[in-house]
Amino acid sequence: MAIADMAAQGSDVRIPLVDISRRQGISLNYLEQLFAKLRRAGLVESYRGASGGYVLAHSAKNLTLDKIIHAVDENIQAHGCSPSLKRACTGKADLCLTHNLWGALENHIEEFLISVTVHDVISENFYNKSIG
């Protein structure tokens, strides 16, 4: 939501996090944590001072949602299996009956996030394009 908010304000506009916080109802502390990760990933640039704030480092037309999700260390996971656990999603050594279903769903979600740009999200026609 924060990146979409920035894109909606226009390119090269320095936007203080407090403004995004107010408009989107997102905790300023949480935004500061997210934007530190986004800055390290090269997705936003920060400027200090009275006219400071953040700008998108890339055009909204070239910034896909998967890059944002991965930059803030969010994983799209539809099932309880984890490579770091010794047990499968059933809590035992075997997989649940629907394991492959959830894995396929995760792949579709990832493909969708790769295909959608921030510009798409703020476009008024996005909903019609995504279901049509």
Protein backbone atom coordinates (compact mmCIF):
# COMPACT_ATOMS: atom_id res chain seq x y z
CA MET A 1 0.00 0.00 0.00
CA ALA A 2 2.81 2.39 0.83
CA ILE A 3 4.56 1.92 -2.52
CA ALA A 4 1.26 2.30 -4.37
CA ASP A 5 0.61 5.47 -2.35
CA MET A 6 3.99 6.84 -3.45
CA ALA A 7 3.35 6.01 -7.10
CA ALA A 8 -0.07 7.66 -6.95
CA GLN A 9 1.55 10.91 -5.78
CA GLY A 10 3.65 11.08 -8.95
CA SER A 11 7.20 10.25 -9.92
CA ASP A 12 10.13 12.10 -8.35
CA VAL A 13 7.95 13.49 -5.56
CA ARG A 14 9.70 13.23 -2.18
CA ILE A 15 7.19 11.79 0.23
CA PRO A 16 7.69 11.75 4.00
CA LEU A 17 6.66 8.51 5.67
CA VAL A 18 4.43 10.45 8.04
CA ASP A 19 2.28 11.43 5.04
CA ILE A 20 1.95 7.82 3.91
CA SER A 21 1.20 6.82 7.50
CA ARG A 22 -1.66 9.34 7.69
CA ARG A 23 -3.14 8.55 4.29
CA GLN A 24 -2.96 4.76 4.58
CA GLY A 25 -3.42 4.27 8.32
CA ILE A 26 -0.12 2.40 8.64
CA SER A 27 2.03 2.73 11.76
CA LEU A 28 4.95 5.12 11.20
CA ASN A 29 7.25 2.77 13.11
CA TYR A 30 6.27 -0.12 10.83
CA LEU A 31 6.80 2.02 7.72
CA GLU A 32 10.28 2.99 8.93
CA GLN A 33 11.18 -0.69 9.25
CA LEU A 34 9.78 -1.55 5.81
CA PHE A 35 11.42 1.40 4.08
CA ALA A 36 14.82 0.55 5.53
CA LYS A 37 14.49 -2.84 3.79
CA LEU A 38 13.16 -1.28 0.58
CA ARG A 39 16.06 1.19 0.54
CA ARG A 40 18.63 -1.59 1.04
CA ALA A 41 17.02 -3.49 -1.85
CA GLY A 42 17.36 -0.41 -4.07
CA LEU A 43 13.63 0.04 -4.58
CA VAL A 44 13.37 3.47 -2.94
CA GLU A 45 15.78 6.33 -2.34
CA SER A 46 15.74 8.48 0.77
CA TYR A 47 16.46 12.19 1.13
CA ARG A 48 17.07 14.00 4.39
CA GLY A 49 16.23 17.53 5.38
CA ALA A 50 13.24 19.83 5.31
CA SER A 51 12.26 18.73 1.81
CA GLY A 52 13.23 15.13 2.45
CA GLY A 53 11.32 11.94 2.06
CA TYR A 54 11.33 8.88 -0.15
CA VAL A 55 11.02 8.43 -3.90
CA LEU A 56 10.71 5.31 -5.99
CA ALA A 57 14.09 4.29 -7.39
CA HIS A 58 12.40 2.77 -10.46
CA SER A 59 9.45 3.67 -12.60
CA ALA A 60 6.14 2.30 -11.31
CA LYS A 61 5.76 0.69 -14.75
CA ASN A 62 8.93 -1.36 -14.15
CA LEU A 63 8.52 -2.18 -10.46
CA THR A 64 6.81 -5.55 -9.99
CA LEU A 65 5.09 -6.65 -6.81
CA ASP A 66 7.35 -9.68 -6.33
CA LYS A 67 10.36 -7.37 -5.91
CA ILE A 68 8.59 -5.47 -3.14
CA ILE A 69 7.39 -8.62 -1.37
CA HIS A 70 10.86 -10.18 -1.43
CA ALA A 71 12.57 -6.93 -0.38
CA VAL A 72 10.57 -6.81 2.85
CA ASP A 73 11.21 -10.51 3.52
CA GLU A 74 7.62 -11.61 3.09
CA ASN A 75 7.06 -15.16 1.94
CA ILE A 76 3.94 -16.27 0.16
CA GLN A 77 3.23 -19.62 1.77
CA ALA A 78 -0.04 -21.48 1.43
CA HIS A 79 0.93 -24.54 3.47
CA GLY A 80 2.70 -25.32 6.71
CA CYS A 81 5.76 -27.03 5.28
CA SER A 82 9.07 -25.34 5.73
CA PRO A 83 12.49 -26.44 4.53
CA SER A 84 13.94 -25.48 7.91
CA LEU A 85 11.66 -27.90 9.78
CA LYS A 86 12.40 -31.59 10.06
CA ARG A 87 8.66 -32.36 9.93
CA ALA A 88 6.28 -31.96 7.02
CA CYS A 89 2.97 -30.10 7.09
CA THR A 90 1.24 -32.94 8.98
CA GLY A 91 3.66 -32.59 11.88
CA LYS A 92 5.12 -35.97 10.98
CA ALA A 93 7.50 -37.16 8.28
CA ASP A 94 4.78 -37.45 5.62
CA LEU A 95 3.18 -34.72 3.56
CA CYS A 96 -0.51 -33.87 3.79
CA LEU A 97 -2.78 -35.03 0.98
CA THR A 98 -3.13 -31.49 -0.40
CA HIS A 99 0.57 -30.57 -0.20
CA ASN A 100 1.03 -30.37 -3.99
CA LEU A 101 -2.14 -28.31 -4.35
CA TRP A 102 -0.83 -25.64 -1.98
CA GLY A 103 2.58 -25.71 -3.63
CA ALA A 104 0.95 -25.12 -7.03
CA LEU A 105 -1.06 -22.24 -5.56
CA GLU A 106 2.15 -20.65 -4.23
CA ASN A 107 3.64 -20.90 -7.74
CA HIS A 108 0.58 -19.20 -9.27
CA ILE A 109 0.71 -16.42 -6.69
CA GLU A 110 4.41 -15.86 -7.42
CA GLU A 111 3.75 -15.76 -11.17
CA PHE A 112 0.93 -13.26 -10.60
CA LEU A 113 3.13 -11.01 -8.44
CA ILE A 114 5.86 -11.11 -11.11
CA SER A 115 3.33 -10.05 -13.76
CA VAL A 116 1.84 -7.06 -11.88
CA THR A 117 3.57 -3.70 -11.68
CA VAL A 118 2.93 -0.90 -9.22
CA HIS A 119 1.56 1.10 -12.15
CA ASP A 120 -0.97 -1.69 -12.76
CA VAL A 121 -2.08 -1.50 -9.13
CA ILE A 122 -2.80 2.23 -9.22
CA SER A 123 -4.42 2.01 -12.65
CA GLU A 124 -8.19 2.40 -12.58
CA ASN A 125 -8.50 -0.42 -15.09
CA PHE A 126 -6.46 -2.96 -13.11
CA TYR A 127 -9.43 -4.86 -11.70
CA ASN A 128 -11.00 -5.26 -15.14
CA LYS A 129 -7.69 -6.40 -16.65
CA SER A 130 -6.99 -8.88 -13.88
CA ILE A 131 -10.34 -10.67 -14.11
CA GLY A 132 -10.83 -10.34 -17.86
